[in-house]
């Protein structure tokens, strides 16, 4: 399937080679970044929509590749594109009437289990619910730094805001998650006791 994560220097080198028309480099660029792009999108939108939005991200990235100037790492550049794809998707979806659909519990559980190996399905769903409950800007910053492992500087580039804003959003997201966990634990005790 897709390769493991490559270091930022390798990813940028591949993007620059792909920019010159090197097809094997373009293929490898997609292989080594696909996992991060998909994870990022799966947390920003419904996990069942992440596959299509990942493809859209790469379509946009390949069209924009000739303009890639390596002012940031290629991974950061690509995740910024993914963020815009997610924002465009959510904006479009908000204009459409809601449709009834079944949640893709397996995909949601897999996304939640990404950093929480060994969690049961209930815990995985609860974690996804807590992340979904975060304000979008806080969720983006938290996912970029805490789940994808981007530095605050890289996350600031992806989210198009100052580093201090990222630090603030991550701190507030942590507070929100802790409060949400406390509330769900408290509610669970009240319901059973």
N, C-alpha and C. Protein backbone atom coordinates (compact mmCIF):
# COMPACT_ATOMS: atom_id res chain seq x y z
N UNK A 1 0.85 -1.18 0.00
CA UNK A 1 0.00 0.00 0.00
C UNK A 1 0.89 1.24 0.00
N UNK A 2 0.70 2.17 0.94
CA UNK A 2 1.47 3.40 0.99
C UNK A 2 2.64 3.23 1.94
N UNK A 3 3.74 3.87 1.61
CA UNK A 3 4.97 3.76 2.38
C UNK A 3 4.85 4.47 3.73
N UNK A 4 5.78 4.13 4.60
CA UNK A 4 5.85 4.81 5.88
C UNK A 4 6.24 6.27 5.67
N UNK A 5 6.08 7.03 6.69
CA UNK A 5 6.37 8.47 6.65
C UNK A 5 7.85 8.71 6.41
N UNK A 6 8.17 9.60 5.48
CA UNK A 6 9.55 9.99 5.20
C UNK A 6 9.85 11.31 5.90
N UNK A 7 11.13 11.60 6.10
CA UNK A 7 11.49 12.86 6.74
C UNK A 7 11.17 14.03 5.81
N UNK A 8 11.07 15.21 6.40
CA UNK A 8 10.66 16.40 5.65
C UNK A 8 11.61 16.74 4.50
N UNK A 9 12.90 16.54 4.70
CA UNK A 9 13.87 16.85 3.64
C UNK A 9 13.63 15.95 2.43
N UNK A 10 13.38 14.67 2.67
CA UNK A 10 13.11 13.73 1.58
C UNK A 10 11.83 14.11 0.85
N UNK A 11 10.80 14.44 1.60
CA UNK A 11 9.51 14.81 1.00
C UNK A 11 9.68 16.05 0.12
N UNK A 12 10.41 17.03 0.62
CA UNK A 12 10.62 18.25 -0.15
C UNK A 12 11.45 17.97 -1.40
N UNK A 13 12.47 17.15 -1.26
CA UNK A 13 13.30 16.78 -2.42
C UNK A 13 12.45 16.07 -3.47
N UNK A 14 11.56 15.19 -3.04
CA UNK A 14 10.67 14.49 -3.99
C UNK A 14 9.74 15.47 -4.68
N UNK A 15 9.19 16.42 -3.93
CA UNK A 15 8.29 17.41 -4.53
C UNK A 15 9.01 18.26 -5.57
N UNK A 16 10.24 18.66 -5.26
CA UNK A 16 11.01 19.46 -6.21
C UNK A 16 11.35 18.67 -7.46
N UNK A 17 11.65 17.38 -7.30
CA UNK A 17 11.92 16.53 -8.47
C UNK A 17 10.64 16.35 -9.28
N UNK A 18 9.52 16.13 -8.60
CA UNK A 18 8.22 15.97 -9.28
C UNK A 18 7.87 17.24 -10.04
N UNK A 19 8.24 18.35 -9.50
CA UNK A 19 7.97 19.65 -10.12
C UNK A 19 8.63 19.75 -11.50
N UNK A 20 9.75 19.07 -11.66
CA UNK A 20 10.46 19.10 -12.95
C UNK A 20 9.97 18.04 -13.92
N UNK A 21 8.94 17.28 -13.51
CA UNK A 21 8.39 16.27 -14.40
C UNK A 21 8.82 14.85 -14.10
N UNK A 22 9.51 14.64 -13.02
CA UNK A 22 9.98 13.30 -12.64
C UNK A 22 8.80 12.50 -12.09
N UNK A 23 8.22 11.64 -12.93
CA UNK A 23 7.02 10.88 -12.52
C UNK A 23 7.28 9.92 -11.35
N UNK A 24 8.40 9.16 -11.35
CA UNK A 24 8.65 8.31 -10.18
C UNK A 24 8.74 9.11 -8.88
N UNK A 25 9.32 10.30 -8.95
CA UNK A 25 9.40 11.15 -7.75
C UNK A 25 8.00 11.59 -7.33
N UNK A 26 7.14 11.92 -8.29
CA UNK A 26 5.77 12.32 -7.97
C UNK A 26 5.03 11.17 -7.31
N UNK A 27 5.21 9.97 -7.83
CA UNK A 27 4.56 8.79 -7.24
C UNK A 27 5.06 8.57 -5.82
N UNK A 28 6.34 8.66 -5.63
CA UNK A 28 6.93 8.46 -4.30
C UNK A 28 6.48 9.56 -3.34
N UNK A 29 6.39 10.79 -3.82
CA UNK A 29 5.90 11.91 -3.01
C UNK A 29 4.51 11.59 -2.46
N UNK A 30 3.65 11.09 -3.31
CA UNK A 30 2.29 10.73 -2.88
C UNK A 30 2.35 9.58 -1.88
N UNK A 31 3.17 8.58 -2.17
CA UNK A 31 3.26 7.42 -1.27
C UNK A 31 3.69 7.80 0.14
N UNK A 32 4.68 8.67 0.25
CA UNK A 32 5.23 8.97 1.58
C UNK A 32 4.44 10.03 2.34
N UNK A 33 3.51 10.71 1.66
CA UNK A 33 2.71 11.73 2.35
C UNK A 33 1.24 11.34 2.50
N UNK A 34 0.82 10.32 1.80
CA UNK A 34 -0.60 9.93 1.77
C UNK A 34 -1.16 9.71 3.18
N UNK A 35 -0.44 8.99 4.00
CA UNK A 35 -0.93 8.63 5.34
C UNK A 35 -1.23 9.89 6.18
N UNK A 36 -0.31 10.84 6.17
CA UNK A 36 -0.52 12.07 6.95
C UNK A 36 -1.69 12.89 6.40
N UNK A 37 -1.77 13.00 5.09
CA UNK A 37 -2.86 13.77 4.47
C UNK A 37 -4.20 13.13 4.81
N UNK A 38 -4.29 11.83 4.66
CA UNK A 38 -5.55 11.13 4.94
C UNK A 38 -5.95 11.28 6.41
N UNK A 39 -5.01 11.10 7.32
CA UNK A 39 -5.30 11.24 8.76
C UNK A 39 -5.79 12.64 9.09
N UNK A 40 -5.07 13.62 8.57
CA UNK A 40 -5.43 15.02 8.82
C UNK A 40 -6.86 15.28 8.37
N UNK A 41 -7.18 14.87 7.16
CA UNK A 41 -8.53 15.08 6.63
C UNK A 41 -9.58 14.29 7.39
N UNK A 42 -9.24 13.07 7.79
CA UNK A 42 -10.21 12.23 8.51
C UNK A 42 -10.62 12.86 9.84
N UNK A 43 -9.75 13.66 10.41
CA UNK A 43 -10.10 14.35 11.66
C UNK A 43 -10.81 15.67 11.41
N UNK A 44 -10.64 16.24 10.23
CA UNK A 44 -11.27 17.52 9.94
C UNK A 44 -12.68 17.36 9.40
N UNK A 45 -12.94 16.25 8.73
CA UNK A 45 -14.26 15.98 8.15
C UNK A 45 -14.68 14.59 8.61
N UNK A 46 -15.80 14.12 8.15
CA UNK A 46 -16.24 12.77 8.46
C UNK A 46 -15.24 11.78 7.88
N UNK A 47 -14.81 10.77 8.65
CA UNK A 47 -13.80 9.82 8.15
C UNK A 47 -14.18 9.17 6.81
N UNK A 48 -15.45 8.97 6.56
CA UNK A 48 -15.89 8.37 5.31
C UNK A 48 -15.67 9.27 4.11
N UNK A 49 -15.42 10.54 4.34
CA UNK A 49 -15.18 11.49 3.25
C UNK A 49 -13.70 11.73 3.00
N UNK A 50 -12.86 11.20 3.87
CA UNK A 50 -11.42 11.48 3.79
C UNK A 50 -10.78 10.94 2.52
N UNK A 51 -11.21 9.78 2.04
CA UNK A 51 -10.61 9.22 0.82
C UNK A 51 -10.79 10.17 -0.36
N UNK A 52 -12.01 10.61 -0.58
CA UNK A 52 -12.27 11.51 -1.70
C UNK A 52 -11.54 12.83 -1.55
N UNK A 53 -11.50 13.35 -0.35
CA UNK A 53 -10.84 14.63 -0.13
C UNK A 53 -9.31 14.50 -0.21
N UNK A 54 -8.79 13.33 0.11
CA UNK A 54 -7.36 13.08 -0.08
C UNK A 54 -7.03 13.13 -1.56
N UNK A 55 -7.87 12.51 -2.38
CA UNK A 55 -7.65 12.55 -3.82
C UNK A 55 -7.72 13.99 -4.34
N UNK A 56 -8.70 14.74 -3.85
CA UNK A 56 -8.83 16.14 -4.26
C UNK A 56 -7.60 16.94 -3.85
N UNK A 57 -7.05 16.64 -2.67
CA UNK A 57 -5.85 17.32 -2.21
C UNK A 57 -4.69 17.08 -3.18
N UNK A 58 -4.52 15.83 -3.58
CA UNK A 58 -3.41 15.53 -4.50
C UNK A 58 -3.66 16.11 -5.89
N UNK A 59 -4.90 16.16 -6.32
CA UNK A 59 -5.18 16.80 -7.61
C UNK A 59 -4.78 18.28 -7.57
N UNK A 60 -5.17 18.96 -6.50
CA UNK A 60 -4.81 20.37 -6.37
C UNK A 60 -3.30 20.55 -6.23
N UNK A 61 -2.68 19.66 -5.45
CA UNK A 61 -1.23 19.76 -5.23
C UNK A 61 -0.46 19.55 -6.54
N UNK A 62 -0.88 18.59 -7.33
CA UNK A 62 -0.16 18.33 -8.59
C UNK A 62 -0.33 19.51 -9.56
N UNK A 63 -1.50 20.14 -9.54
CA UNK A 63 -1.69 21.33 -10.38
C UNK A 63 -0.85 22.50 -9.88
N UNK A 64 -0.66 22.58 -8.56
CA UNK A 64 0.08 23.70 -7.96
C UNK A 64 1.58 23.42 -7.87
N UNK A 65 1.99 22.19 -8.09
CA UNK A 65 3.39 21.82 -7.92
C UNK A 65 4.36 22.70 -8.71
N UNK A 66 4.04 23.12 -9.93
CA UNK A 66 4.99 23.99 -10.64
C UNK A 66 5.27 25.30 -9.90
N UNK A 67 4.39 25.72 -9.03
CA UNK A 67 4.58 26.96 -8.27
C UNK A 67 5.19 26.71 -6.88
N UNK A 68 5.42 25.44 -6.52
CA UNK A 68 6.00 25.13 -5.21
C UNK A 68 7.43 25.67 -5.17
N UNK A 69 7.69 26.57 -4.24
CA UNK A 69 9.00 27.24 -4.15
C UNK A 69 9.83 26.77 -2.97
N UNK A 70 9.36 25.80 -2.21
CA UNK A 70 10.09 25.24 -1.06
C UNK A 70 10.39 26.29 0.01
N UNK A 71 9.50 27.26 0.17
CA UNK A 71 9.65 28.23 1.26
C UNK A 71 9.30 27.57 2.60
N UNK A 72 8.55 26.50 2.55
CA UNK A 72 8.26 25.65 3.70
C UNK A 72 8.52 24.22 3.24
N UNK A 73 8.41 23.27 4.15
CA UNK A 73 8.59 21.88 3.72
C UNK A 73 7.42 21.49 2.81
N UNK A 74 7.65 20.52 1.97
CA UNK A 74 6.60 20.07 1.07
C UNK A 74 5.43 19.47 1.86
N UNK A 75 5.72 18.83 2.99
CA UNK A 75 4.65 18.26 3.82
C UNK A 75 3.75 19.37 4.36
N UNK A 76 4.35 20.44 4.84
CA UNK A 76 3.58 21.57 5.36
C UNK A 76 2.75 22.19 4.24
N UNK A 77 3.36 22.39 3.10
CA UNK A 77 2.67 22.93 1.92
C UNK A 77 1.47 22.05 1.56
N UNK A 78 1.68 20.73 1.55
CA UNK A 78 0.62 19.79 1.19
C UNK A 78 -0.51 19.78 2.22
N UNK A 79 -0.18 19.83 3.49
CA UNK A 79 -1.22 19.85 4.53
C UNK A 79 -2.00 21.15 4.51
N UNK A 80 -1.37 22.24 4.10
CA UNK A 80 -2.10 23.51 3.94
C UNK A 80 -3.13 23.37 2.81
N UNK A 81 -2.75 22.68 1.76
CA UNK A 81 -3.70 22.42 0.66
C UNK A 81 -4.84 21.54 1.18
N UNK A 82 -4.51 20.50 1.94
CA UNK A 82 -5.53 19.61 2.50
C UNK A 82 -6.50 20.39 3.39
N UNK A 83 -5.98 21.31 4.17
CA UNK A 83 -6.84 22.12 5.03
C UNK A 83 -7.83 22.94 4.20
N UNK A 84 -7.34 23.52 3.10
CA UNK A 84 -8.23 24.30 2.23
C UNK A 84 -9.27 23.39 1.55
N UNK A 85 -8.86 22.18 1.18
CA UNK A 85 -9.81 21.23 0.60
C UNK A 85 -10.91 20.92 1.60
N UNK A 86 -10.53 20.67 2.86
CA UNK A 86 -11.52 20.37 3.90
C UNK A 86 -12.43 21.57 4.13
N UNK A 87 -11.86 22.76 4.18
CA UNK A 87 -12.67 23.97 4.40
C UNK A 87 -13.65 24.17 3.25
N UNK A 88 -13.18 23.98 2.02
CA UNK A 88 -14.08 24.11 0.86
C UNK A 88 -15.20 23.08 0.93
N UNK A 89 -14.85 21.86 1.30
CA UNK A 89 -15.85 20.80 1.41
C UNK A 89 -16.90 21.13 2.47
N UNK A 90 -16.44 21.57 3.63
CA UNK A 90 -17.37 21.89 4.71
C UNK A 90 -18.26 23.09 4.35
N UNK A 91 -17.68 24.05 3.68
CA UNK A 91 -18.45 25.22 3.23
C UNK A 91 -19.55 24.78 2.25
N UNK A 92 -19.18 23.94 1.30
CA UNK A 92 -20.16 23.44 0.32
C UNK A 92 -21.22 22.59 1.01
N UNK A 93 -20.79 21.72 1.91
CA UNK A 93 -21.73 20.84 2.61
C UNK A 93 -22.72 21.64 3.47
N UNK A 94 -22.26 22.76 4.01
CA UNK A 94 -23.16 23.55 4.86
C UNK A 94 -24.26 24.23 4.05
N UNK A 95 -24.05 24.36 2.75
CA UNK A 95 -25.06 24.98 1.89
C UNK A 95 -26.09 23.97 1.39
N UNK A 96 -25.75 22.68 1.49
CA UNK A 96 -26.67 21.63 1.03
C UNK A 96 -27.56 21.21 2.18
N UNK A 97 -28.77 20.76 1.85
CA UNK A 97 -29.62 20.25 2.93
C UNK A 97 -29.01 18.98 3.50
N UNK A 98 -29.14 18.77 4.81
CA UNK A 98 -28.57 17.57 5.41
C UNK A 98 -29.20 16.30 4.85
N UNK A 99 -28.37 15.28 4.72
CA UNK A 99 -28.85 13.99 4.25
C UNK A 99 -28.69 12.99 5.38
N UNK A 100 -29.61 12.08 5.46
CA UNK A 100 -29.51 11.03 6.45
C UNK A 100 -28.54 9.99 5.94
N UNK A 101 -27.59 9.61 6.80
CA UNK A 101 -26.66 8.55 6.42
C UNK A 101 -26.15 7.87 7.67
N UNK A 102 -25.73 6.65 7.50
CA UNK A 102 -25.16 5.91 8.62
C UNK A 102 -23.72 6.33 8.81
N UNK A 103 -23.30 6.50 10.04
CA UNK A 103 -21.91 6.83 10.31
C UNK A 103 -21.03 5.64 9.96
N UNK A 104 -19.86 5.92 9.49
CA UNK A 104 -18.88 4.88 9.19
C UNK A 104 -18.10 4.62 10.47
N UNK A 105 -18.66 3.78 11.33
CA UNK A 105 -18.07 3.54 12.65
C UNK A 105 -16.68 2.93 12.55
N UNK A 106 -16.47 2.05 11.59
CA UNK A 106 -15.16 1.43 11.47
C UNK A 106 -14.10 2.48 11.16
N UNK A 107 -14.39 3.35 10.21
CA UNK A 107 -13.42 4.40 9.86
C UNK A 107 -13.19 5.33 11.05
N UNK A 108 -14.27 5.69 11.75
CA UNK A 108 -14.12 6.56 12.92
C UNK A 108 -13.27 5.88 13.98
N UNK A 109 -13.49 4.60 14.19
CA UNK A 109 -12.72 3.86 15.18
C UNK A 109 -11.25 3.76 14.78
N UNK A 110 -10.99 3.54 13.50
CA UNK A 110 -9.61 3.45 13.04
C UNK A 110 -8.89 4.78 13.22
N UNK A 111 -9.57 5.88 12.93
CA UNK A 111 -8.95 7.19 13.09
C UNK A 111 -8.65 7.43 14.57
N UNK A 112 -9.60 7.14 15.44
CA UNK A 112 -9.38 7.35 16.87
C UNK A 112 -8.28 6.44 17.41
N UNK A 113 -8.18 5.25 16.87
CA UNK A 113 -7.18 4.29 17.34
C UNK A 113 -5.78 4.62 16.86
N UNK A 114 -5.67 5.53 15.93
CA UNK A 114 -4.38 5.91 15.35
C UNK A 114 -3.35 6.19 16.44
N UNK A 115 -3.67 6.98 17.43
CA UNK A 115 -2.73 7.29 18.50
C UNK A 115 -3.11 6.60 19.82
N UNK A 116 -4.19 5.87 19.82
CA UNK A 116 -4.69 5.29 21.06
C UNK A 116 -4.79 3.78 20.95
N UNK A 117 -3.74 3.14 20.43
CA UNK A 117 -3.77 1.70 20.22
C UNK A 117 -4.32 0.96 21.42
N UNK A 118 -5.11 -0.05 21.17
CA UNK A 118 -5.63 -0.87 22.24
C UNK A 118 -6.95 -0.40 22.83
N UNK A 119 -7.49 0.69 22.37
CA UNK A 119 -8.77 1.15 22.89
C UNK A 119 -9.88 0.28 22.34
N UNK A 120 -10.88 0.08 23.15
CA UNK A 120 -12.06 -0.63 22.69
C UNK A 120 -12.90 0.28 21.81
N UNK A 121 -13.87 -0.29 21.14
CA UNK A 121 -14.70 0.48 20.22
C UNK A 121 -15.41 1.63 20.93
N UNK A 122 -15.92 1.39 22.14
CA UNK A 122 -16.61 2.46 22.88
C UNK A 122 -15.67 3.64 23.15
N UNK A 123 -14.44 3.32 23.58
CA UNK A 123 -13.48 4.38 23.86
C UNK A 123 -13.08 5.12 22.59
N UNK A 124 -12.94 4.37 21.49
CA UNK A 124 -12.57 4.99 20.22
C UNK A 124 -13.66 5.94 19.74
N UNK A 125 -14.90 5.52 19.86
CA UNK A 125 -16.01 6.38 19.45
C UNK A 125 -16.09 7.60 20.37
N UNK A 126 -15.87 7.40 21.66
CA UNK A 126 -15.89 8.52 22.61
C UNK A 126 -14.79 9.53 22.28
N UNK A 127 -13.60 9.03 21.94
CA UNK A 127 -12.50 9.93 21.58
C UNK A 127 -12.85 10.72 20.33
N UNK A 128 -13.40 10.06 19.34
CA UNK A 128 -13.78 10.77 18.11
C UNK A 128 -14.83 11.83 18.42
N UNK A 129 -15.80 11.48 19.28
CA UNK A 129 -16.83 12.46 19.66
C UNK A 129 -16.21 13.67 20.35
N UNK A 130 -15.23 13.43 21.23
CA UNK A 130 -14.57 14.54 21.92
C UNK A 130 -13.84 15.43 20.91
N UNK A 131 -13.12 14.81 19.97
CA UNK A 131 -12.41 15.60 18.96
C UNK A 131 -13.39 16.36 18.07
N UNK A 132 -14.49 15.71 17.71
CA UNK A 132 -15.50 16.38 16.89
C UNK A 132 -16.13 17.56 17.62
N UNK A 133 -16.15 17.50 18.95
CA UNK A 133 -16.74 18.57 19.74
C UNK A 133 -15.88 19.82 19.86
N UNK A 134 -14.62 19.70 19.46
CA UNK A 134 -13.74 20.87 19.51
C UNK A 134 -14.13 21.88 18.43
N UNK A 135 -13.89 23.14 18.71
CA UNK A 135 -14.07 24.17 17.68
C UNK A 135 -13.13 23.82 16.52
N UNK A 136 -13.56 24.05 15.28
CA UNK A 136 -12.74 23.64 14.13
C UNK A 136 -11.29 24.12 14.16
N UNK A 137 -11.06 25.36 14.53
CA UNK A 137 -9.68 25.88 14.56
C UNK A 137 -8.85 25.16 15.62
N UNK A 138 -9.45 24.88 16.76
CA UNK A 138 -8.73 24.16 17.82
C UNK A 138 -8.46 22.72 17.39
N UNK A 139 -9.46 22.08 16.74
CA UNK A 139 -9.30 20.70 16.27
C UNK A 139 -8.16 20.63 15.26
N UNK A 140 -8.12 21.56 14.30
CA UNK A 140 -7.05 21.58 13.30
C UNK A 140 -5.68 21.69 13.96
N UNK A 141 -5.53 22.63 14.88
CA UNK A 141 -4.24 22.84 15.54
C UNK A 141 -3.85 21.62 16.37
N UNK A 142 -4.80 21.05 17.09
CA UNK A 142 -4.52 19.88 17.93
C UNK A 142 -4.11 18.69 17.08
N UNK A 143 -4.85 18.43 16.03
CA UNK A 143 -4.56 17.28 15.16
C UNK A 143 -3.20 17.45 14.49
N UNK A 144 -2.94 18.65 13.99
CA UNK A 144 -1.67 18.89 13.29
C UNK A 144 -0.48 18.68 14.22
N UNK A 145 -0.56 19.17 15.45
CA UNK A 145 0.59 19.09 16.35
C UNK A 145 0.62 17.80 17.17
N UNK A 146 -0.52 17.38 17.70
CA UNK A 146 -0.53 16.26 18.62
C UNK A 146 -0.70 14.90 17.95
N UNK A 147 -1.39 14.86 16.82
CA UNK A 147 -1.60 13.58 16.15
C UNK A 147 -0.67 13.37 14.96
N UNK A 148 -0.42 14.44 14.21
CA UNK A 148 0.48 14.33 13.06
C UNK A 148 1.92 14.65 13.40
N UNK A 149 2.15 15.25 14.56
CA UNK A 149 3.50 15.52 15.00
C UNK A 149 4.18 16.71 14.36
N UNK A 150 3.40 17.62 13.77
CA UNK A 150 4.01 18.83 13.20
C UNK A 150 4.48 19.74 14.32
N UNK A 151 5.51 20.50 14.05
CA UNK A 151 5.95 21.50 15.02
C UNK A 151 4.90 22.62 15.04
N UNK A 152 4.98 23.47 16.05
CA UNK A 152 4.03 24.59 16.10
C UNK A 152 4.23 25.52 14.90
N UNK A 153 5.47 25.68 14.47
CA UNK A 153 5.75 26.53 13.31
C UNK A 153 5.13 25.93 12.05
N UNK A 154 5.29 24.63 11.86
CA UNK A 154 4.70 23.97 10.70
C UNK A 154 3.17 24.04 10.75
N UNK A 155 2.62 23.81 11.93
CA UNK A 155 1.15 23.88 12.07
C UNK A 155 0.65 25.29 11.78
N UNK A 156 1.41 26.28 12.18
CA UNK A 156 1.02 27.67 11.90
C UNK A 156 0.98 27.91 10.40
N UNK A 157 1.92 27.33 9.66
CA UNK A 157 1.92 27.47 8.21
C UNK A 157 0.72 26.74 7.60
N UNK A 158 0.45 25.55 8.10
CA UNK A 158 -0.69 24.76 7.59
C UNK A 158 -2.00 25.50 7.85
N UNK A 159 -2.15 26.02 9.07
CA UNK A 159 -3.39 26.67 9.47
C UNK A 159 -3.44 28.16 9.13
N UNK A 160 -2.37 28.67 8.56
CA UNK A 160 -2.30 30.06 8.10
C UNK A 160 -2.61 31.04 9.23
N UNK A 161 -1.84 30.89 10.33
CA UNK A 161 -2.00 31.78 11.47
C UNK A 161 -0.66 31.86 12.21
N UNK A 162 -0.51 32.80 13.13
CA UNK A 162 0.74 32.91 13.89
C UNK A 162 0.98 31.71 14.82
N UNK A 163 2.25 31.48 15.13
CA UNK A 163 2.63 30.36 16.01
C UNK A 163 1.95 30.50 17.37
N UNK A 164 1.89 31.71 17.89
CA UNK A 164 1.24 31.92 19.19
C UNK A 164 -0.22 31.51 19.17
N UNK A 165 -0.87 31.72 18.05
CA UNK A 165 -2.28 31.31 17.92
C UNK A 165 -2.38 29.79 17.96
N UNK A 166 -1.45 29.11 17.31
CA UNK A 166 -1.44 27.64 17.35
C UNK A 166 -1.25 27.16 18.78
N UNK A 167 -0.28 27.74 19.48
CA UNK A 167 -0.04 27.34 20.88
C UNK A 167 -1.30 27.54 21.72
N UNK A 168 -1.97 28.65 21.53
CA UNK A 168 -3.19 28.95 22.27
C UNK A 168 -4.29 27.96 21.92
N UNK A 169 -4.45 27.68 20.64
CA UNK A 169 -5.51 26.75 20.21
C UNK A 169 -5.26 25.34 20.74
N UNK A 170 -4.00 24.91 20.72
CA UNK A 170 -3.68 23.57 21.24
C UNK A 170 -3.94 23.52 22.74
N UNK A 171 -3.52 24.54 23.46
CA UNK A 171 -3.75 24.57 24.91
C UNK A 171 -5.24 24.54 25.22
N UNK A 172 -6.00 25.33 24.51
CA UNK A 172 -7.45 25.36 24.74
C UNK A 172 -8.10 24.05 24.32
N UNK A 173 -7.60 23.44 23.25
CA UNK A 173 -8.14 22.14 22.83
C UNK A 173 -7.90 21.10 23.91
N UNK A 174 -6.70 21.12 24.49
CA UNK A 174 -6.40 20.18 25.58
C UNK A 174 -7.36 20.40 26.75
N UNK A 175 -7.57 21.66 27.11
CA UNK A 175 -8.50 21.97 28.20
C UNK A 175 -9.90 21.47 27.86
N UNK A 176 -10.34 21.69 26.62
CA UNK A 176 -11.67 21.24 26.20
C UNK A 176 -11.77 19.71 26.26
N UNK A 177 -10.71 19.02 25.82
CA UNK A 177 -10.73 17.56 25.83
C UNK A 177 -10.76 17.02 27.25
N UNK A 178 -9.96 17.61 28.12
CA UNK A 178 -9.95 17.17 29.52
C UNK A 178 -11.32 17.41 30.15
N UNK A 179 -11.90 18.57 29.90
CA UNK A 179 -13.23 18.87 30.44
C UNK A 179 -14.26 17.90 29.86
N UNK A 180 -14.16 17.62 28.58
CA UNK A 180 -15.10 16.68 27.95
C UNK A 180 -14.97 15.29 28.52
N UNK A 181 -13.72 14.86 28.77
CA UNK A 181 -13.51 13.55 29.37
C UNK A 181 -14.05 13.52 30.79
N UNK A 182 -13.83 14.59 31.53
CA UNK A 182 -14.32 14.68 32.90
C UNK A 182 -15.85 14.63 32.90
N UNK A 183 -16.47 15.38 31.99
CA UNK A 183 -17.93 15.40 31.90
C UNK A 183 -18.49 14.03 31.52
N UNK A 184 -17.85 13.36 30.56
CA UNK A 184 -18.38 12.06 30.13
C UNK A 184 -18.19 11.02 31.23
N UNK A 185 -17.09 11.11 31.98
CA UNK A 185 -16.88 10.19 33.10
C UNK A 185 -17.90 10.47 34.20
N UNK A 186 -18.14 11.74 34.48
CA UNK A 186 -19.11 12.13 35.51
C UNK A 186 -20.51 11.69 35.11
N UNK A 187 -20.88 11.91 33.85
CA UNK A 187 -22.20 11.50 33.36
C UNK A 187 -22.37 9.99 33.43
N UNK A 188 -21.28 9.26 33.09
CA UNK A 188 -21.35 7.80 33.13
C UNK A 188 -21.56 7.27 34.52
N UNK A 189 -20.89 7.89 35.51
CA UNK A 189 -21.07 7.47 36.90
C UNK A 189 -22.48 7.78 37.38
N UNK A 190 -22.99 8.95 36.98
CA UNK A 190 -24.32 9.34 37.41
C UNK A 190 -25.37 8.37 36.83
N UNK A 191 -25.14 7.98 35.57
CA UNK A 191 -26.12 7.10 34.91
C UNK A 191 -26.13 5.71 35.53
N UNK A 192 -24.95 5.23 36.01
CA UNK A 192 -24.90 3.89 36.55
C UNK A 192 -25.06 3.87 38.06
N UNK A 193 -24.85 4.99 38.70
CA UNK A 193 -24.88 4.98 40.15
C UNK A 193 -25.93 5.82 40.62
